[in-house]
C-alpha atoms as a PDB file:
ATOM      1  CA  MET A   1     -13.778  17.274   6.810  1.00  0.00           C
ATOM      2  CA  THR A   2     -12.288  13.258   6.427  1.00  0.00           C
ATOM      3  CA  GLN A   3      -9.037  12.218   6.245  1.00  0.00           C
ATOM      4  CA  VAL A   4      -7.175   9.495   5.226  1.00  0.00           C
ATOM      5  CA  LYS A   5      -5.945   7.189   7.595  1.00  0.00           C
ATOM      6  CA  SER A   6      -3.742   3.793   7.915  1.00  0.00           C
ATOM      7  CA  GLY A   7      -6.679   1.036   7.711  1.00  0.00           C
ATOM      8  CA  ASP A   8      -9.426   2.886   6.292  1.00  0.00           C
ATOM      9  CA  THR A   9     -10.325   1.250   2.410  1.00  0.00           C
ATOM     10  CA  VAL A  10      -9.865   3.863  -0.056  1.00  0.00           C
ATOM     11  CA  HIS A  11     -11.130   4.305  -3.440  1.00  0.00           C
ATOM     12  CA  ILE A  12      -8.847   6.278  -6.057  1.00  0.00           C
ATOM     13  CA  HIS A  13      -8.878   7.180  -9.735  1.00  0.00           C
ATOM     14  CA  TYR A  14      -5.409   6.916 -11.038  1.00  0.00           C
ATOM     15  CA  THR A  15      -2.802   6.588 -14.103  1.00  0.00           C
ATOM     16  CA  GLY A  16       0.216   5.835 -14.051  1.00  0.00           C
ATOM     17  CA  THR A  17       3.230   6.685 -16.583  1.00  0.00           C
ATOM     18  CA  LEU A  18       7.142   6.376 -16.725  1.00  0.00           C
ATOM     19  CA  ASN A  19       9.234   9.168 -16.383  1.00  0.00           C
ATOM     20  CA  ASP A  20       9.373   9.675 -20.325  1.00  0.00           C
ATOM     21  CA  GLY A  21       5.127  10.098 -19.769  1.00  0.00           C
ATOM     22  CA  THR A  22       3.940   6.876 -20.698  1.00  0.00           C
ATOM     23  CA  THR A  23       1.475   5.212 -19.240  1.00  0.00           C
ATOM     24  CA  PHE A  24       1.545   1.895 -18.161  1.00  0.00           C
ATOM     25  CA  ASP A  25      -1.560   1.417 -16.592  1.00  0.00           C
ATOM     26  CA  SER A  26      -5.079   3.712 -15.919  1.00  0.00           C
ATOM     27  CA  SER A  27      -8.649   3.715 -14.338  1.00  0.00           C
ATOM     28  CA  GLU A  28     -10.144   4.950 -16.827  1.00  0.00           C
ATOM     29  CA  GLY A  29     -12.802   3.719 -17.571  1.00  0.00           C
ATOM     30  CA  ARG A  30     -12.832   1.199 -14.934  1.00  0.00           C
ATOM     31  CA  GLU A  31     -13.738   1.126 -11.495  1.00  0.00           C
ATOM     32  CA  PRO A  32     -11.711   2.651  -8.597  1.00  0.00           C
ATOM     33  CA  LEU A  33      -9.200   1.024  -7.329  1.00  0.00           C
ATOM     34  CA  THR A  34     -10.141  -0.412  -3.906  1.00  0.00           C
ATOM     35  CA  PHE A  35      -7.628  -0.850  -1.232  1.00  0.00           C
ATOM     36  CA  GLN A  36      -6.433  -0.824   2.606  1.00  0.00           C
ATOM     37  CA  VAL A  37      -4.717   2.309   3.410  1.00  0.00           C
ATOM     38  CA  GLY A  38      -1.421   0.271   4.793  1.00  0.00           C
ATOM     39  CA  SER A  39      -2.035  -3.172   4.405  1.00  0.00           C
ATOM     40  CA  GLY A  40       1.065  -4.118   1.463  1.00  0.00           C
ATOM     41  CA  GLN A  41      -2.325  -4.208  -1.394  1.00  0.00           C
ATOM     42  CA  ILE A  42       0.091  -1.738  -3.825  1.00  0.00           C
ATOM     43  CA  ILE A  43       3.924  -0.487  -3.720  1.00  0.00           C
ATOM     44  CA  PRO A  44       4.375   1.104  -0.839  1.00  0.00           C
ATOM     45  CA  GLY A  45       5.637   4.503  -2.716  1.00  0.00           C
ATOM     46  CA  LEU A  46       1.941   4.755  -3.339  1.00  0.00           C
ATOM     47  CA  ASP A  47       0.841   3.811  -0.389  1.00  0.00           C
ATOM     48  CA  SER A  48       2.052   5.982   1.916  1.00  0.00           C
ATOM     49  CA  ALA A  49       1.018   8.309   0.508  1.00  0.00           C
ATOM     50  CA  ILE A  50      -2.628   8.396   0.546  1.00  0.00           C
ATOM     51  CA  PRO A  51      -2.959   9.167   4.484  1.00  0.00           C
ATOM     52  CA  GLY A  52      -4.701  12.828   5.511  1.00  0.00           C
ATOM     53  CA  MET A  53      -5.795  12.846   1.723  1.00  0.00           C
ATOM     54  CA  ALA A  54      -9.580  13.596   1.930  1.00  0.00           C
ATOM     55  CA  ILE A  55     -12.576  13.120  -0.457  1.00  0.00           C
ATOM     56  CA  GLY A  56     -12.163  15.105  -3.973  1.00  0.00           C
ATOM     57  CA  ASP A  57      -8.712  15.831  -3.155  1.00  0.00           C
ATOM     58  CA  LYS A  58      -6.090  14.905  -6.128  1.00  0.00           C
ATOM     59  CA  LYS A  59      -2.058  14.520  -5.893  1.00  0.00           C
ATOM     60  CA  THR A  60       0.841  13.727  -7.970  1.00  0.00           C
ATOM     61  CA  VAL A  61       2.724  10.873  -6.772  1.00  0.00           C
ATOM     62  CA  ASN A  62       6.804  10.283  -7.601  1.00  0.00           C
ATOM     63  CA  VAL A  63       6.964   6.829  -6.420  1.00  0.00           C
ATOM     64  CA  PRO A  64      11.013   5.814  -6.988  1.00  0.00           C
ATOM     65  CA  ALA A  65      11.522   1.937  -8.198  1.00  0.00           C
ATOM     66  CA  ASP A  66      12.984   0.851  -4.600  1.00  0.00           C
ATOM     67  CA  GLU A  67      10.031   2.298  -3.518  1.00  0.00           C
ATOM     68  CA  ALA A  68       7.895   0.416  -6.290  1.00  0.00           C
ATOM     69  CA  TYR A  69       8.548  -2.840  -7.802  1.00  0.00           C
ATOM     70  CA  GLY A  70      12.387  -2.872  -6.320  1.00  0.00           C
ATOM     71  CA  PRO A  71      15.418  -2.607  -9.071  1.00  0.00           C
ATOM     72  CA  VAL A  72      16.714  -5.047 -11.615  1.00  0.00           C
ATOM     73  CA  ASN A  73      17.290  -8.614 -10.122  1.00  0.00           C
ATOM     74  CA  PRO A  74      19.759  -9.921 -12.591  1.00  0.00           C
ATOM     75  CA  ASP A  75      19.414 -13.379 -10.786  1.00  0.00           C
ATOM     76  CA  MET A  76      15.165 -13.583 -12.531  1.00  0.00           C
ATOM     77  CA  ARG A  77      17.161 -13.756 -16.027  1.00  0.00           C
ATOM     78  CA  GLN A  78      17.487 -17.054 -16.739  1.00  0.00           C
ATOM     79  CA  GLU A  79      19.180 -19.054 -20.220  1.00  0.00           C
ATOM     80  CA  VAL A  80      17.018 -21.823 -21.140  1.00  0.00           C
ATOM     81  CA  PRO A  81      18.016 -23.628 -24.370  1.00  0.00           C
ATOM     82  CA  ARG A  82      16.288 -23.490 -27.409  1.00  0.00           C
ATOM     83  CA  GLY A  83      15.679 -27.349 -27.216  1.00  0.00           C
ATOM     84  CA  GLN A  84      14.196 -27.302 -23.826  1.00  0.00           C
ATOM     85  CA  ILE A  85      10.851 -25.227 -25.389  1.00  0.00           C
ATOM     86  CA  PRO A  86       8.280 -26.443 -27.160  1.00  0.00           C
ATOM     87  CA  ALA A  87       8.486 -25.863 -31.223  1.00  0.00           C
ATOM     88  CA  ASP A  88       4.776 -23.637 -30.058  1.00  0.00           C
ATOM     89  CA  ILE A  89       5.377 -21.543 -27.359  1.00  0.00           C
ATOM     90  CA  PRO A  90       6.122 -17.981 -28.965  1.00  0.00           C
ATOM     91  CA  THR A  91       9.511 -17.124 -28.681  1.00  0.00           C
ATOM     92  CA  GLU A  92       9.810 -13.133 -30.136  1.00  0.00           C
ATOM     93  CA  VAL A  93      11.198 -10.346 -27.998  1.00  0.00           C
ATOM     94  CA  GLY A  94       8.410  -8.894 -25.235  1.00  0.00           C
ATOM     95  CA  THR A  95       6.185 -12.172 -25.400  1.00  0.00           C
ATOM     96  CA  ARG A  96       5.027 -13.146 -22.196  1.00  0.00           C
ATOM     97  CA  LEU A  97       4.737 -16.408 -21.104  1.00  0.00           C
ATOM     98  CA  GLN A  98       4.448 -18.792 -17.897  1.00  0.00           C
ATOM     99  CA  MET A  99       6.943 -20.612 -16.317  1.00  0.00           C
ATOM    100  CA  GLN A 100       6.028 -23.498 -13.251  1.00  0.00           C
ATOM    101  CA  THR A 101       8.857 -23.772 -10.443  1.00  0.00           C
ATOM    102  CA  GLN A 102       9.431 -27.216  -9.426  1.00  0.00           C
ATOM    103  CA  THR A 103       7.219 -26.646  -5.975  1.00  0.00           C
ATOM    104  CA  GLY A 104       4.541 -26.164  -8.773  1.00  0.00           C
ATOM    105  CA  GLN A 105       4.225 -21.941  -8.509  1.00  0.00           C
ATOM    106  CA  VAL A 106       3.650 -20.299 -11.858  1.00  0.00           C
ATOM    107  CA  VAL A 107       6.317 -17.381 -12.477  1.00  0.00           C
ATOM    108  CA  PRO A 108       5.110 -15.297 -15.129  1.00  0.00           C
ATOM    109  CA  VAL A 109       8.072 -14.224 -17.616  1.00  0.00           C
ATOM    110  CA  THR A 110       9.247 -11.784 -20.594  1.00  0.00           C
ATOM    111  CA  VAL A 111      11.156 -13.178 -23.250  1.00  0.00           C
ATOM    112  CA  VAL A 112      14.031 -10.514 -23.433  1.00  0.00           C
ATOM    113  CA  ALA A 113      16.554 -12.429 -25.951  1.00  0.00           C
ATOM    114  CA  VAL A 114      17.098 -14.983 -28.379  1.00  0.00           C
ATOM    115  CA  ASP A 115      19.093 -16.512 -30.398  1.00  0.00           C
ATOM    116  CA  ASP A 116      20.129 -19.688 -32.561  1.00  0.00           C
ATOM    117  CA  ASN A 117      20.630 -21.509 -29.165  1.00  0.00           C
ATOM    118  CA  ALA A 118      19.310 -20.148 -26.090  1.00  0.00           C
ATOM    119  CA  VAL A 119      16.014 -17.980 -24.881  1.00  0.00           C
ATOM    120  CA  THR A 120      16.580 -15.451 -22.140  1.00  0.00           C
ATOM    121  CA  LEU A 121      13.772 -15.731 -19.837  1.00  0.00           C
ATOM    122  CA  ASP A 122      13.011 -12.432 -17.673  1.00  0.00           C
ATOM    123  CA  ALA A 123      10.327 -13.283 -14.117  1.00  0.00           C
ATOM    124  CA  ASN A 124      11.395  -9.431 -12.475  1.00  0.00           C
ATOM    125  CA  HIS A 125       8.107  -7.288 -13.080  1.00  0.00           C
ATOM    126  CA  PRO A 126       8.258  -5.325 -15.556  1.00  0.00           C
ATOM    127  CA  LEU A 127       8.328  -1.840 -13.844  1.00  0.00           C
ATOM    128  CA  ALA A 128      11.452  -3.112 -11.645  1.00  0.00           C
ATOM    129  CA  GLY A 129      13.805  -0.936 -11.689  1.00  0.00           C
ATOM    130  CA  LYS A 130      11.256   1.693 -13.072  1.00  0.00           C
ATOM    131  CA  ASP A 131      10.653   5.126 -10.848  1.00  0.00           C
ATOM    132  CA  LEU A 132       6.982   5.838 -11.204  1.00  0.00           C
ATOM    133  CA  THR A 133       4.299   8.834 -11.066  1.00  0.00           C
ATOM    134  CA  PHE A 134       0.758   8.648 -10.097  1.00  0.00           C
ATOM    135  CA  ASP A 135      -1.496  11.176 -10.927  1.00  0.00           C
ATOM    136  CA  ILE A 136      -4.629   9.965  -8.218  1.00  0.00           C
ATOM    137  CA  GLU A 137      -8.010  11.482  -7.653  1.00  0.00           C
ATOM    138  CA  LEU A 138      -9.677  10.416  -4.055  1.00  0.00           C
ATOM    139  CA  VAL A 139     -12.899   8.748  -4.516  1.00  0.00           C
ATOM    140  CA  LYS A 140     -14.122   7.750  -1.168  1.00  0.00           C
ATOM    141  CA  ILE A 141     -13.373   6.341   1.823  1.00  0.00           C
ATOM    142  CA  ASP A 142     -14.771   3.492   4.067  1.00  0.00           C
ATOM    143  CA  ALA A 143     -13.161   4.491   7.605  1.00  0.00           C
ATOM    144  CA  ALA A 144     -11.716   1.350   9.067  1.00  0.00           C
ATOM    145  CA  ALA A 145     -14.325   0.532  12.421  1.00  0.00           C
END
């Protein structure tokens, strides 16, 4: 039976959940997730769990925050004076927006706080600082040449 090794391209079905059981992502109803093992295309804690699996294998993988999207970086939060945000831009807490850096790079941000004077935007990944659990099933292996 062929087992996955680094460099192979694999196709997996998965469901990702938080510690409280909330599902944050799933391939259910979609094509399997396809990636090259060991290439850095997915989070390290999940990537490292795939080698040695065979087609049809299922497993549950617990990924600590440090091997997922990393810890929350307080430097990635920015308070913006309300007057600098156009009136037509929604500023409710939880709203996802895009900012543009001085170099033109587009950065997704989340509104995390609002008061009369400022809006606080967070550019951390929404899953930063969270431990994740993945239920995965290996459905196909394209062996490296």
